[in-house]
Amino acid sequence: MEQFKLRKAKFLGEIEGSWHLVEDVLNGDLIKMSLPRRFRNNSFEPKSGEFVYVMVSPYELNRGRYFSAKHDFRTDYYNDLMNQKDILDKLHEQK
């Protein structure tokens, strides 16, 4: 079973309800991102132009969910996603 892919993106803004539009910084793809309820309940809203991380399914790369290192994932998912985050940061620095 393939696990989630992490993408680094620039926040563009809210498009409808809890859905937000972000742009992948490495390839320019537009991704429809949702914010988990606990972020919406705490009035968390990324600023336009801010960099965020999005978890996407390997089967649906144009929709995802906001990723924060403070999420409680199973250890294997968390370690994999944090490794992907480090790689994305290095690639973005090189660009």
PDB file of N, CA and C in Angstrom:
ATOM      1  N   MET A   1       0.830  -1.186   0.000  1.00  0.00           N
ATOM      2  CA  MET A   1       0.000   0.000   0.000  1.00  0.00           C
ATOM      3  C   MET A   1       0.874   1.250   0.000  1.00  0.00           C
ATOM      4  N   GLU A   2       0.633   2.134  -0.959  1.00  0.00           N
ATOM      5  CA  GLU A   2       1.394   3.376  -1.005  1.00  0.00           C
ATOM      6  C   GLU A   2       0.892   4.330   0.055  1.00  0.00           C
ATOM      7  N   GLN A   3       1.814   5.088   0.622  1.00  0.00           N
ATOM      8  CA  GLN A   3       1.453   6.052   1.644  1.00  0.00           C
ATOM      9  C   GLN A   3       1.264   7.429   1.033  1.00  0.00           C
ATOM     10  N   PHE A   4       0.868   8.357   1.880  1.00  0.00           N
ATOM     11  CA  PHE A   4       0.656   9.729   1.445  1.00  0.00           C
ATOM     12  C   PHE A   4       1.943  10.347   0.928  1.00  0.00           C
ATOM     13  N   LYS A   5       1.792  11.258  -0.013  1.00  0.00           N
ATOM     14  CA  LYS A   5       2.912  12.047  -0.515  1.00  0.00           C
ATOM     15  C   LYS A   5       2.794  13.429   0.092  1.00  0.00           C
ATOM     16  N   LEU A   6       3.918  14.034   0.413  1.00  0.00           N
ATOM     17  CA  LEU A   6       3.913  15.374   0.964  1.00  0.00           C
ATOM     18  C   LEU A   6       4.357  16.337  -0.121  1.00  0.00           C
ATOM     19  N   ARG A   7       3.661  17.459  -0.245  1.00  0.00           N
ATOM     20  CA  ARG A   7       4.013  18.487  -1.223  1.00  0.00           C
ATOM     21  C   ARG A   7       4.200  19.806  -0.489  1.00  0.00           C
ATOM     22  N   LYS A   8       5.167  20.592  -0.908  1.00  0.00           N
ATOM     23  CA  LYS A   8       5.355  21.934  -0.362  1.00  0.00           C
ATOM     24  C   LYS A   8       4.693  22.896  -1.333  1.00  0.00           C
ATOM     25  N   ALA A   9       3.869  23.791  -0.800  1.00  0.00           N
ATOM     26  CA  ALA A   9       3.071  24.644  -1.669  1.00  0.00           C
ATOM     27  C   ALA A   9       2.971  26.053  -1.111  1.00  0.00           C
ATOM     28  N   LYS A  10       2.647  26.978  -2.011  1.00  0.00           N
ATOM     29  CA  LYS A  10       2.403  28.362  -1.628  1.00  0.00           C
ATOM     30  C   LYS A  10       0.902  28.547  -1.489  1.00  0.00           C
ATOM     31  N   PHE A  11       0.487  29.097  -0.366  1.00  0.00           N
ATOM     32  CA  PHE A  11      -0.926  29.300  -0.084  1.00  0.00           C
ATOM     33  C   PHE A  11      -1.455  30.450  -0.939  1.00  0.00           C
ATOM     34  N   LEU A  12      -2.556  30.196  -1.676  1.00  0.00           N
ATOM     35  CA  LEU A  12      -3.137  31.222  -2.546  1.00  0.00           C
ATOM     36  C   LEU A  12      -4.394  31.843  -1.957  1.00  0.00           C
ATOM     37  N   GLY A  13      -5.189  31.066  -1.224  1.00  0.00           N
ATOM     38  CA  GLY A  13      -6.386  31.621  -0.593  1.00  0.00           C
ATOM     39  C   GLY A  13      -7.511  30.614  -0.497  1.00  0.00           C
ATOM     40  N   GLU A  14      -8.580  31.055   0.180  1.00  0.00           N
ATOM     41  CA  GLU A  14      -9.757  30.209   0.365  1.00  0.00           C
ATOM     42  C   GLU A  14     -10.574  30.211  -0.917  1.00  0.00           C
ATOM     43  N   ILE A  15     -11.117  29.047  -1.288  1.00  0.00           N
ATOM     44  CA  ILE A  15     -11.948  28.999  -2.483  1.00  0.00           C
ATOM     45  C   ILE A  15     -13.394  28.654  -2.170  1.00  0.00           C
ATOM     46  N   GLU A  16     -13.635  27.838  -1.144  1.00  0.00           N
ATOM     47  CA  GLU A  16     -15.011  27.513  -0.763  1.00  0.00           C
ATOM     48  C   GLU A  16     -15.005  26.784   0.565  1.00  0.00           C
ATOM     49  N   GLY A  17     -15.776  27.242   1.502  1.00  0.00           N
ATOM     50  CA  GLY A  17     -15.873  26.579   2.799  1.00  0.00           C
ATOM     51  C   GLY A  17     -14.520  26.327   3.431  1.00  0.00           C
ATOM     52  N   SER A  18     -14.199  25.070   3.663  1.00  0.00           N
ATOM     53  CA  SER A  18     -12.909  24.725   4.275  1.00  0.00           C
ATOM     54  C   SER A  18     -11.851  24.390   3.226  1.00  0.00           C
ATOM     55  N   TRP A  19     -12.153  24.612   1.957  1.00  0.00           N
ATOM     56  CA  TRP A  19     -11.195  24.320   0.886  1.00  0.00           C
ATOM     57  C   TRP A  19     -10.379  25.558   0.545  1.00  0.00           C
ATOM     58  N   HIS A  20      -9.094  25.326   0.324  1.00  0.00           N
ATOM     59  CA  HIS A  20      -8.162  26.399  -0.003  1.00  0.00           C
ATOM     60  C   HIS A  20      -7.355  25.985  -1.228  1.00  0.00           C
ATOM     61  N   LEU A  21      -6.863  26.962  -1.953  1.00  0.00           N
ATOM     62  CA  LEU A  21      -6.064  26.686  -3.143  1.00  0.00           C
ATOM     63  C   LEU A  21      -4.600  26.968  -2.841  1.00  0.00           C
ATOM     64  N   VAL A  22      -3.745  26.009  -3.192  1.00  0.00           N
ATOM     65  CA  VAL A  22      -2.301  26.156  -3.023  1.00  0.00           C
ATOM     66  C   VAL A  22      -1.614  25.765  -4.330  1.00  0.00           C
ATOM     67  N   GLU A  23      -0.392  26.278  -4.510  1.00  0.00           N
ATOM     68  CA  GLU A  23       0.377  25.967  -5.712  1.00  0.00           C
ATOM     69  C   GLU A  23       1.671  25.271  -5.312  1.00  0.00           C
ATOM     70  N   ASP A  24       1.907  24.088  -5.873  1.00  0.00           N
ATOM     71  CA  ASP A  24       3.124  23.325  -5.599  1.00  0.00           C
ATOM     72  C   ASP A  24       4.331  24.164  -6.008  1.00  0.00           C
ATOM     73  N   VAL A  25       5.312  24.318  -5.110  1.00  0.00           N
ATOM     74  CA  VAL A  25       6.462  25.164  -5.407  1.00  0.00           C
ATOM     75  C   VAL A  25       7.456  24.513  -6.361  1.00  0.00           C
ATOM     76  N   LEU A  26       7.411  23.191  -6.496  1.00  0.00           N
ATOM     77  CA  LEU A  26       8.370  22.521  -7.364  1.00  0.00           C
ATOM     78  C   LEU A  26       7.881  22.377  -8.801  1.00  0.00           C
ATOM     79  N   ASN A  27       6.583  22.142  -8.999  1.00  0.00           N
ATOM     80  CA  ASN A  27       6.120  21.940 -10.378  1.00  0.00           C
ATOM     81  C   ASN A  27       4.947  22.819 -10.782  1.00  0.00           C
ATOM     82  N   GLY A  28       4.465  23.690  -9.898  1.00  0.00           N
ATOM     83  CA  GLY A  28       3.410  24.628 -10.255  1.00  0.00           C
ATOM     84  C   GLY A  28       2.003  24.062 -10.284  1.00  0.00           C
ATOM     85  N   ASP A  29       1.810  22.789  -9.902  1.00  0.00           N
ATOM     86  CA  ASP A  29       0.473  22.201  -9.873  1.00  0.00           C
ATOM     87  C   ASP A  29      -0.403  22.918  -8.850  1.00  0.00           C
ATOM     88  N   LEU A  30      -1.676  23.089  -9.193  1.00  0.00           N
ATOM     89  CA  LEU A  30      -2.635  23.640  -8.245  1.00  0.00           C
ATOM     90  C   LEU A  30      -3.266  22.497  -7.473  1.00  0.00           C
ATOM     91  N   ILE A  31      -3.372  22.664  -6.157  1.00  0.00           N
ATOM     92  CA  ILE A  31      -3.905  21.632  -5.281  1.00  0.00           C
ATOM     93  C   ILE A  31      -5.005  22.248  -4.437  1.00  0.00           C
ATOM     94  N   LYS A  32      -6.118  21.544  -4.346  1.00  0.00           N
ATOM     95  CA  LYS A  32      -7.222  21.943  -3.491  1.00  0.00           C
ATOM     96  C   LYS A  32      -6.958  21.322  -2.114  1.00  0.00           C
ATOM     97  N   MET A  33      -6.754  22.186  -1.099  1.00  0.00           N
ATOM     98  CA  MET A  33      -6.338  21.715   0.220  1.00  0.00           C
ATOM     99  C   MET A  33      -7.445  21.970   1.247  1.00  0.00           C
ATOM    100  N   SER A  34      -7.679  20.994   2.118  1.00  0.00           N
ATOM    101  CA  SER A  34      -8.618  21.198   3.219  1.00  0.00           C
ATOM    102  C   SER A  34      -7.843  21.395   4.515  1.00  0.00           C
ATOM    103  N   LEU A  35      -8.446  22.134   5.427  1.00  0.00           N
ATOM    104  CA  LEU A  35      -7.874  22.309   6.759  1.00  0.00           C
ATOM    105  C   LEU A  35      -8.623  21.400   7.721  1.00  0.00           C
ATOM    106  N   PRO A  36      -7.911  20.648   8.570  1.00  0.00           N
ATOM    107  CA  PRO A  36      -8.598  19.828   9.563  1.00  0.00           C
ATOM    108  C   PRO A  36      -9.463  20.699  10.477  1.00  0.00           C
ATOM    109  N   ARG A  37     -10.522  20.116  11.012  1.00  0.00           N
ATOM    110  CA  ARG A  37     -11.487  20.848  11.842  1.00  0.00           C
ATOM    111  C   ARG A  37     -10.828  21.579  13.003  1.00  0.00           C
ATOM    112  N   ARG A  38      -9.839  20.965  13.643  1.00  0.00           N
ATOM    113  CA  ARG A  38      -9.247  21.623  14.813  1.00  0.00           C
ATOM    114  C   ARG A  38      -8.536  22.921  14.444  1.00  0.00           C
ATOM    115  N   PHE A  39      -8.029  23.023  13.213  1.00  0.00           N
ATOM    116  CA  PHE A  39      -7.423  24.272  12.781  1.00  0.00           C
ATOM    117  C   PHE A  39      -8.496  25.314  12.487  1.00  0.00           C
ATOM    118  N   ARG A  40      -9.571  24.881  11.845  1.00  0.00           N
ATOM    119  CA  ARG A  40     -10.675  25.806  11.553  1.00  0.00           C
ATOM    120  C   ARG A  40     -11.306  26.304  12.847  1.00  0.00           C
ATOM    121  N   ASN A  41     -11.473  25.422  13.831  1.00  0.00           N
ATOM    122  CA  ASN A  41     -12.062  25.818  15.113  1.00  0.00           C
ATOM    123  C   ASN A  41     -11.199  26.822  15.865  1.00  0.00           C
ATOM    124  N   ASN A  42      -9.898  26.770  15.665  1.00  0.00           N
ATOM    125  CA  ASN A  42      -8.976  27.706  16.320  1.00  0.00           C
ATOM    126  C   ASN A  42      -8.685  28.926  15.456  1.00  0.00           C
ATOM    127  N   SER A  43      -9.486  29.127  14.414  1.00  0.00           N
ATOM    128  CA  SER A  43      -9.350  30.272  13.502  1.00  0.00           C
ATOM    129  C   SER A  43      -7.971  30.348  12.854  1.00  0.00           C
ATOM    130  N   PHE A  44      -7.360  29.193  12.614  1.00  0.00           N
ATOM    131  CA  PHE A  44      -6.062  29.163  11.924  1.00  0.00           C
ATOM    132  C   PHE A  44      -6.304  29.352  10.445  1.00  0.00           C
ATOM    133  N   GLU A  45      -5.629  30.296   9.866  1.00  0.00           N
ATOM    134  CA  GLU A  45      -5.744  30.559   8.431  1.00  0.00           C
ATOM    135  C   GLU A  45      -4.368  30.983   7.922  1.00  0.00           C
ATOM    136  N   PRO A  46      -3.749  30.191   7.052  1.00  0.00           N
ATOM    137  CA  PRO A  46      -2.463  30.626   6.494  1.00  0.00           C
ATOM    138  C   PRO A  46      -2.636  31.933   5.721  1.00  0.00           C
ATOM    139  N   LYS A  47      -1.596  32.696   5.640  1.00  0.00           N
ATOM    140  CA  LYS A  47      -1.601  33.967   4.907  1.00  0.00           C
ATOM    141  C   LYS A  47      -1.260  33.710   3.448  1.00  0.00           C
ATOM    142  N   SER A  48      -1.780  34.534   2.570  1.00  0.00           N
ATOM    143  CA  SER A  48      -1.484  34.415   1.144  1.00  0.00           C
ATOM    144  C   SER A  48       0.023  34.534   0.922  1.00  0.00           C
ATOM    145  N   GLY A  49       0.579  33.606   0.146  1.00  0.00           N
ATOM    146  CA  GLY A  49       2.011  33.595  -0.132  1.00  0.00           C
ATOM    147  C   GLY A  49       2.829  32.780   0.857  1.00  0.00           C
ATOM    148  N   GLU A  50       2.230  32.371   1.951  1.00  0.00           N
ATOM    149  CA  GLU A  50       2.912  31.567   2.966  1.00  0.00           C
ATOM    150  C   GLU A  50       3.111  30.142   2.453  1.00  0.00           C
ATOM    151  N   PHE A  51       4.215  29.511   2.845  1.00  0.00           N
ATOM    152  CA  PHE A  51       4.477  28.134   2.445  1.00  0.00           C
ATOM    153  C   PHE A  51       3.817  27.181   3.427  1.00  0.00           C
ATOM    154  N   VAL A  52       3.154  26.157   2.888  1.00  0.00           N
ATOM    155  CA  VAL A  52       2.482  25.145   3.697  1.00  0.00           C
ATOM    156  C   VAL A  52       2.838  23.774   3.129  1.00  0.00           C
ATOM    157  N   TYR A  53       2.561  22.737   3.899  1.00  0.00           N
ATOM    158  CA  TYR A  53       2.766  21.371   3.452  1.00  0.00           C
ATOM    159  C   TYR A  53       1.409  20.704   3.312  1.00  0.00           C
ATOM    160  N   VAL A  54       1.252  19.930   2.239  1.00  0.00           N
ATOM    161  CA  VAL A  54      -0.020  19.287   1.931  1.00  0.00           C
ATOM    162  C   VAL A  54       0.216  17.793   1.747  1.00  0.00           C
ATOM    163  N   MET A  55      -0.602  16.978   2.421  1.00  0.00           N
ATOM    164  CA  MET A  55      -0.564  15.529   2.233  1.00  0.00           C
ATOM    165  C   MET A  55      -1.538  15.187   1.119  1.00  0.00           C
ATOM    166  N   VAL A  56      -1.059  14.471   0.117  1.00  0.00           N
ATOM    167  CA  VAL A  56      -1.934  14.048  -0.969  1.00  0.00           C
ATOM    168  C   VAL A  56      -1.842  12.534  -1.124  1.00  0.00           C
ATOM    169  N   SER A  57      -2.925  11.973  -1.595  1.00  0.00           N
ATOM    170  CA  SER A  57      -2.951  10.543  -1.870  1.00  0.00           C
ATOM    171  C   SER A  57      -2.180  10.308  -3.161  1.00  0.00           C
ATOM    172  N   PRO A  58      -1.478   9.183  -3.287  1.00  0.00           N
ATOM    173  CA  PRO A  58      -0.788   8.904  -4.550  1.00  0.00           C
ATOM    174  C   PRO A  58      -1.769   8.707  -5.708  1.00  0.00           C
ATOM    175  N   TYR A  59      -3.061   8.565  -5.389  1.00  0.00           N
ATOM    176  CA  TYR A  59      -4.079   8.340  -6.416  1.00  0.00           C
ATOM    177  C   TYR A  59      -4.842   9.598  -6.791  1.00  0.00           C
ATOM    178  N   GLU A  60      -4.727  10.647  -5.997  1.00  0.00           N
ATOM    179  CA  GLU A  60      -5.436  11.897  -6.271  1.00  0.00           C
ATOM    180  C   GLU A  60      -4.526  13.060  -5.877  1.00  0.00           C
ATOM    181  N   LEU A  61      -3.667  13.462  -6.807  1.00  0.00           N
ATOM    182  CA  LEU A  61      -2.619  14.432  -6.512  1.00  0.00           C
ATOM    183  C   LEU A  61      -3.081  15.880  -6.525  1.00  0.00           C
ATOM    184  N   ASN A  62      -4.329  16.145  -6.933  1.00  0.00           N
ATOM    185  CA  ASN A  62      -4.789  17.535  -6.998  1.00  0.00           C
ATOM    186  C   ASN A  62      -5.663  17.927  -5.808  1.00  0.00           C
ATOM    187  N   ARG A  63      -5.793  17.036  -4.816  1.00  0.00           N
ATOM    188  CA  ARG A  63      -6.539  17.328  -3.593  1.00  0.00           C
ATOM    189  C   ARG A  63      -5.758  16.799  -2.407  1.00  0.00           C
ATOM    190  N   GLY A  64      -5.732  17.585  -1.330  1.00  0.00           N
ATOM    191  CA  GLY A  64      -4.991  17.122  -0.172  1.00  0.00           C
ATOM    192  C   GLY A  64      -5.447  17.772   1.110  1.00  0.00           C
ATOM    193  N   ARG A  65      -4.677  17.531   2.151  1.00  0.00           N
ATOM    194  CA  ARG A  65      -5.002  18.022   3.481  1.00  0.00           C
ATOM    195  C   ARG A  65      -3.776  18.698   4.064  1.00  0.00           C
ATOM    196  N   TYR A  66      -3.996  19.780   4.769  1.00  0.00           N
ATOM    197  CA  TYR A  66      -2.923  20.524   5.420  1.00  0.00           C
ATOM    198  C   TYR A  66      -2.135  19.595   6.341  1.00  0.00           C
ATOM    199  N   PHE A  67      -0.811  19.694   6.312  1.00  0.00           N
ATOM    200  CA  PHE A  67       0.045  18.877   7.161  1.00  0.00           C
ATOM    201  C   PHE A  67       0.765  19.762   8.167  1.00  0.00           C
ATOM    202  N   SER A  68       0.737  19.358   9.408  1.00  0.00           N
ATOM    203  CA  SER A  68       1.490  20.006  10.473  1.00  0.00           C
ATOM    204  C   SER A  68       2.250  18.920  11.216  1.00  0.00           C
ATOM    205  N   ALA A  69       3.466  19.215  11.596  1.00  0.00           N
ATOM    206  CA  ALA A  69       4.279  18.233  12.312  1.00  0.00           C
ATOM    207  C   ALA A  69       3.658  17.854  13.652  1.00  0.00           C
ATOM    208  N   LYS A  70       2.677  18.617  14.108  1.00  0.00           N
ATOM    209  CA  LYS A  70       2.042  18.344  15.399  1.00  0.00           C
ATOM    210  C   LYS A  70       0.902  17.343  15.295  1.00  0.00           C
ATOM    211  N   HIS A  71       0.595  16.862  14.071  1.00  0.00           N
ATOM    212  CA  HIS A  71      -0.443  15.842  13.937  1.00  0.00           C
ATOM    213  C   HIS A  71      -0.013  14.558  14.623  1.00  0.00           C
ATOM    214  N   ASP A  72      -0.953  13.817  15.090  1.00  0.00           N
ATOM    215  CA  ASP A  72      -0.654  12.529  15.718  1.00  0.00           C
ATOM    216  C   ASP A  72      -0.865  11.415  14.700  1.00  0.00           C
ATOM    217  N   PHE A  73       0.170  11.028  13.997  1.00  0.00           N
ATOM    218  CA  PHE A  73       0.113   9.941  13.033  1.00  0.00           C
ATOM    219  C   PHE A  73       0.744   8.711  13.636  1.00  0.00           C
ATOM    220  N   ARG A  74       0.445   7.576  13.021  1.00  0.00           N
ATOM    221  CA  ARG A  74       1.201   6.384  13.380  1.00  0.00           C
ATOM    222  C   ARG A  74       2.666   6.680  13.126  1.00  0.00           C
ATOM    223  N   THR A  75       3.531   6.122  13.897  1.00  0.00           N
ATOM    224  CA  THR A  75       4.952   6.426  13.819  1.00  0.00           C
ATOM    225  C   THR A  75       5.518   6.223  12.422  1.00  0.00           C
ATOM    226  N   ASP A  76       5.137   5.155  11.717  1.00  0.00           N
ATOM    227  CA  ASP A  76       5.703   4.924  10.389  1.00  0.00           C
ATOM    228  C   ASP A  76       5.269   6.016   9.407  1.00  0.00           C
ATOM    229  N   TYR A  77       4.021   6.450   9.458  1.00  0.00           N
ATOM    230  CA  TYR A  77       3.578   7.550   8.594  1.00  0.00           C
ATOM    231  C   TYR A  77       4.300   8.837   8.944  1.00  0.00           C
ATOM    232  N   TYR A  78       4.379   9.129  10.230  1.00  0.00           N
ATOM    233  CA  TYR A  78       4.989  10.384  10.676  1.00  0.00           C
ATOM    234  C   TYR A  78       6.444  10.471  10.228  1.00  0.00           C
ATOM    235  N   ASN A  79       7.206   9.414  10.448  1.00  0.00           N
ATOM    236  CA  ASN A  79       8.623   9.429  10.069  1.00  0.00           C
ATOM    237  C   ASN A  79       8.783   9.590   8.556  1.00  0.00           C
ATOM    238  N   ASP A  80       7.955   8.896   7.786  1.00  0.00           N
ATOM    239  CA  ASP A  80       8.016   9.014   6.337  1.00  0.00           C
ATOM    240  C   ASP A  80       7.683  10.437   5.888  1.00  0.00           C
ATOM    241  N   LEU A  81       6.634  11.026   6.456  1.00  0.00           N
ATOM    242  CA  LEU A  81       6.240  12.380   6.070  1.00  0.00           C
ATOM    243  C   LEU A  81       7.292  13.408   6.475  1.00  0.00           C
ATOM    244  N   MET A  82       7.899  13.238   7.628  1.00  0.00           N
ATOM    245  CA  MET A  82       8.944  14.170   8.060  1.00  0.00           C
ATOM    246  C   MET A  82      10.181  14.048   7.167  1.00  0.00           C
ATOM    247  N   ASN A  83      10.508  12.841   6.723  1.00  0.00           N
ATOM    248  CA  ASN A  83      11.613  12.669   5.772  1.00  0.00           C
ATOM    249  C   ASN A  83      11.295  13.367   4.449  1.00  0.00           C
ATOM    250  N   GLN A  84      10.052  13.209   3.980  1.00  0.00           N
ATOM    251  CA  GLN A  84       9.638  13.885   2.754  1.00  0.00           C
ATOM    252  C   GLN A  84       9.716  15.403   2.929  1.00  0.00           C
ATOM    253  N   LYS A  85       9.332  15.910   4.100  1.00  0.00           N
ATOM    254  CA  LYS A  85       9.380  17.349   4.379  1.00  0.00           C
ATOM    255  C   LYS A  85      10.812  17.863   4.267  1.00  0.00           C
ATOM    256  N   ASP A  86      11.759  17.144   4.851  1.00  0.00           N
ATOM    257  CA  ASP A  86      13.167  17.545   4.781  1.00  0.00           C
ATOM    258  C   ASP A  86      13.661  17.585   3.334  1.00  0.00           C
ATOM    259  N   ILE A  87      13.287  16.590   2.546  1.00  0.00           N
ATOM    260  CA  ILE A  87      13.694  16.545   1.135  1.00  0.00           C
ATOM    261  C   ILE A  87      13.092  17.717   0.361  1.00  0.00           C
ATOM    262  N   LEU A  88      11.811  17.998   0.595  1.00  0.00           N
ATOM    263  CA  LEU A  88      11.151  19.114  -0.093  1.00  0.00           C
ATOM    264  C   LEU A  88      11.806  20.444   0.259  1.00  0.00           C
ATOM    265  N   ASP A  89      12.157  20.636   1.516  1.00  0.00           N
ATOM    266  CA  ASP A  89      12.816  21.875   1.939  1.00  0.00           C
ATOM    267  C   ASP A  89      14.156  22.045   1.219  1.00  0.00           C
ATOM    268  N   LYS A  90      14.923  20.957   1.109  1.00  0.00           N
ATOM    269  CA  LYS A  90      16.226  21.031   0.426  1.00  0.00           C
ATOM    270  C   LYS A  90      16.042  21.325  -1.059  1.00  0.00           C
ATOM    271  N   LEU A  91      15.070  20.679  -1.702  1.00  0.00           N
ATOM    272  CA  LEU A  91      14.823  20.925  -3.126  1.00  0.00           C
ATOM    273  C   LEU A  91      14.361  22.368  -3.361  1.00  0.00           C
ATOM    274  N   HIS A  92      13.525  22.880  -2.471  1.00  0.00           N
ATOM    275  CA  HIS A  92      13.017  24.245  -2.621  1.00  0.00           C
ATOM    276  C   HIS A  92      14.144  25.261  -2.425  1.00  0.00           C
ATOM    277  N   GLU A  93      15.068  24.986  -1.529  1.00  0.00           N
ATOM    278  CA  GLU A  93      16.225  25.877  -1.308  1.00  0.00           C
ATOM    279  C   GLU A  93      17.106  25.935  -2.555  1.00  0.00           C
ATOM    280  N   GLN A  94      17.233  24.808  -3.257  1.00  0.00           N
ATOM    281  CA  GLN A  94      18.081  24.740  -4.445  1.00  0.00           C
ATOM    282  C   GLN A  94      17.477  25.473  -5.628  1.00  0.00           C
ATOM    283  N   LYS A  95      16.159  25.583  -5.635  1.00  0.00           N
ATOM    284  CA  LYS A  95      15.452  26.179  -6.769  1.00  0.00           C
ATOM    285  C   LYS A  95      15.627  27.668  -6.830  1.00  0.00           C
TER     286      LYS A  95
END
